[in-house]
Amino acid sequence: MSSMKDRSELLADRLELPSDALSGTVKLSINGRRRVLIENHRGIISYEDTLIVIDCGNMKAIIRGDELKLGAMDKSDMLIRGRLLSIEFE
């Protein structure tokens, strides 16, 4: 019997979608040193203007920088703006 992950990957393949589209995998898109888009997040753990920690399910994303701000956020996606210095995962 196949797992739920295998089924979602098969469905994504049949619908010609990226494999992570149905699995809920966190996706980060970095635009230069000024913006990062985080898709499929689980919420904010910590928020400061130099450090933002994001719950990504089975890991945390730690964004360090200067003048960090939430540009936009909804249930699953978040845009962070500012001067990005580093992104780490725990």
C-alpha atoms as a PDB file:
ATOM      1  CA  MET A   1       0.000   0.000   0.000  1.00  0.00           C
ATOM      2  CA  SER A   2       1.360   3.432  -0.896  1.00  0.00           C
ATOM      3  CA  SER A   3       1.753   6.213   1.622  1.00  0.00           C
ATOM      4  CA  MET A   4      -0.097   9.538   1.585  1.00  0.00           C
ATOM      5  CA  LYS A   5       3.095  11.272   0.381  1.00  0.00           C
ATOM      6  CA  ASP A   6       3.366   8.870  -2.565  1.00  0.00           C
ATOM      7  CA  ARG A   7      -0.273   9.502  -3.454  1.00  0.00           C
ATOM      8  CA  SER A   8       0.124  13.285  -3.347  1.00  0.00           C
ATOM      9  CA  GLU A   9       3.239  13.076  -5.547  1.00  0.00           C
ATOM     10  CA  LEU A  10       1.393  10.840  -8.028  1.00  0.00           C
ATOM     11  CA  LEU A  11      -1.585  13.216  -8.124  1.00  0.00           C
ATOM     12  CA  ALA A  12       0.700  16.240  -8.587  1.00  0.00           C
ATOM     13  CA  ASP A  13       2.448  14.415 -11.433  1.00  0.00           C
ATOM     14  CA  ARG A  14      -0.859  13.588 -13.145  1.00  0.00           C
ATOM     15  CA  LEU A  15      -2.045  17.187 -12.775  1.00  0.00           C
ATOM     16  CA  GLU A  16       1.357  18.422 -13.996  1.00  0.00           C
ATOM     17  CA  LEU A  17       1.973  20.347 -10.769  1.00  0.00           C
ATOM     18  CA  PRO A  18       5.261  20.646  -8.853  1.00  0.00           C
ATOM     19  CA  SER A  19       5.642  17.640  -6.521  1.00  0.00           C
ATOM     20  CA  ASP A  20       5.588  19.876  -3.420  1.00  0.00           C
ATOM     21  CA  ALA A  21       2.329  21.592  -4.411  1.00  0.00           C
ATOM     22  CA  LEU A  22       0.088  19.056  -2.667  1.00  0.00           C
ATOM     23  CA  SER A  23       2.428  17.768   0.026  1.00  0.00           C
ATOM     24  CA  GLY A  24       2.556  20.929   2.184  1.00  0.00           C
ATOM     25  CA  THR A  25       6.338  21.168   1.909  1.00  0.00           C
ATOM     26  CA  VAL A  26       7.720  24.557   2.911  1.00  0.00           C
ATOM     27  CA  LYS A  27       9.114  26.533  -0.006  1.00  0.00           C
ATOM     28  CA  LEU A  28      11.381  29.590   0.287  1.00  0.00           C
ATOM     29  CA  SER A  29      11.878  31.982  -2.621  1.00  0.00           C
ATOM     30  CA  ILE A  30      14.621  34.551  -2.100  1.00  0.00           C
ATOM     31  CA  ASN A  31      14.662  37.733  -4.158  1.00  0.00           C
ATOM     32  CA  GLY A  32      18.110  39.269  -3.810  1.00  0.00           C
ATOM     33  CA  ARG A  33      18.969  40.378  -0.266  1.00  0.00           C
ATOM     34  CA  ARG A  34      15.724  42.278   0.307  1.00  0.00           C
ATOM     35  CA  ARG A  35      12.817  39.796   0.200  1.00  0.00           C
ATOM     36  CA  VAL A  36      11.971  36.202   1.044  1.00  0.00           C
ATOM     37  CA  LEU A  37       8.638  34.501   0.360  1.00  0.00           C
ATOM     38  CA  ILE A  38       7.817  31.519   2.576  1.00  0.00           C
ATOM     39  CA  GLU A  39       5.036  29.230   1.402  1.00  0.00           C
ATOM     40  CA  ASN A  40       3.254  26.612   3.550  1.00  0.00           C
ATOM     41  CA  HIS A  41       4.541  27.975   6.878  1.00  0.00           C
ATOM     42  CA  ARG A  42       2.911  27.048  10.215  1.00  0.00           C
ATOM     43  CA  GLY A  43       3.293  30.429  11.950  1.00  0.00           C
ATOM     44  CA  ILE A  44       5.761  32.796  13.572  1.00  0.00           C
ATOM     45  CA  ILE A  45       7.674  31.631  16.655  1.00  0.00           C
ATOM     46  CA  SER A  46       9.663  34.827  17.257  1.00  0.00           C
ATOM     47  CA  TYR A  47       9.589  38.274  15.638  1.00  0.00           C
ATOM     48  CA  GLU A  48      12.146  41.075  16.009  1.00  0.00           C
ATOM     49  CA  ASP A  49      13.568  43.568  13.532  1.00  0.00           C
ATOM     50  CA  THR A  50      16.836  41.579  13.368  1.00  0.00           C
ATOM     51  CA  LEU A  51      15.519  38.005  13.751  1.00  0.00           C
ATOM     52  CA  ILE A  52      12.388  36.155  12.651  1.00  0.00           C
ATOM     53  CA  VAL A  53      11.865  32.479  13.506  1.00  0.00           C
ATOM     54  CA  ILE A  54       9.229  30.618  11.500  1.00  0.00           C
ATOM     55  CA  ASP A  55       7.601  27.267  12.239  1.00  0.00           C
ATOM     56  CA  CYS A  56       7.986  25.106   9.131  1.00  0.00           C
ATOM     57  CA  GLY A  57       6.456  21.933  10.542  1.00  0.00           C
ATOM     58  CA  ASN A  58       9.324  19.539  11.188  1.00  0.00           C
ATOM     59  CA  MET A  59      11.917  22.340  11.268  1.00  0.00           C
ATOM     60  CA  LYS A  60      12.365  26.050  11.984  1.00  0.00           C
ATOM     61  CA  ALA A  61      13.584  28.704   9.556  1.00  0.00           C
ATOM     62  CA  ILE A  62      15.664  31.420  11.224  1.00  0.00           C
ATOM     63  CA  ILE A  63      15.994  34.625   9.235  1.00  0.00           C
ATOM     64  CA  ARG A  64      18.571  37.163  10.379  1.00  0.00           C
ATOM     65  CA  GLY A  65      18.944  40.656   9.029  1.00  0.00           C
ATOM     66  CA  ASP A  66      18.344  44.363   9.565  1.00  0.00           C
ATOM     67  CA  GLU A  67      15.001  46.183   9.537  1.00  0.00           C
ATOM     68  CA  LEU A  68      13.093  42.911   8.981  1.00  0.00           C
ATOM     69  CA  LYS A  69       9.350  43.375   8.558  1.00  0.00           C
ATOM     70  CA  LEU A  70       6.379  41.311   7.479  1.00  0.00           C
ATOM     71  CA  GLY A  71       5.409  42.643   4.073  1.00  0.00           C
ATOM     72  CA  ALA A  72       2.341  40.392   3.907  1.00  0.00           C
ATOM     73  CA  MET A  73       1.043  37.244   5.562  1.00  0.00           C
ATOM     74  CA  ASP A  74      -1.912  34.929   5.248  1.00  0.00           C
ATOM     75  CA  LYS A  75      -2.751  31.439   6.469  1.00  0.00           C
ATOM     76  CA  SER A  76      -0.001  29.713   4.485  1.00  0.00           C
ATOM     77  CA  ASP A  77       2.272  32.324   2.884  1.00  0.00           C
ATOM     78  CA  MET A  78       4.425  35.117   4.274  1.00  0.00           C
ATOM     79  CA  LEU A  79       6.611  37.798   2.723  1.00  0.00           C
ATOM     80  CA  ILE A  80       9.507  39.173   4.752  1.00  0.00           C
ATOM     81  CA  ARG A  81      11.272  42.365   3.709  1.00  0.00           C
ATOM     82  CA  GLY A  82      14.433  43.984   4.953  1.00  0.00           C
ATOM     83  CA  ARG A  83      18.173  43.481   4.585  1.00  0.00           C
ATOM     84  CA  LEU A  84      18.648  39.712   4.690  1.00  0.00           C
ATOM     85  CA  LEU A  85      21.923  38.522   6.204  1.00  0.00           C
ATOM     86  CA  SER A  86      21.307  34.787   6.651  1.00  0.00           C
ATOM     87  CA  ILE A  87      18.718  32.016   6.600  1.00  0.00           C
ATOM     88  CA  GLU A  88      19.293  28.962   8.786  1.00  0.00           C
ATOM     89  CA  PHE A  89      17.314  25.802   9.467  1.00  0.00           C
ATOM     90  CA  GLU A  90      17.007  23.900  12.747  1.00  0.00           C
END
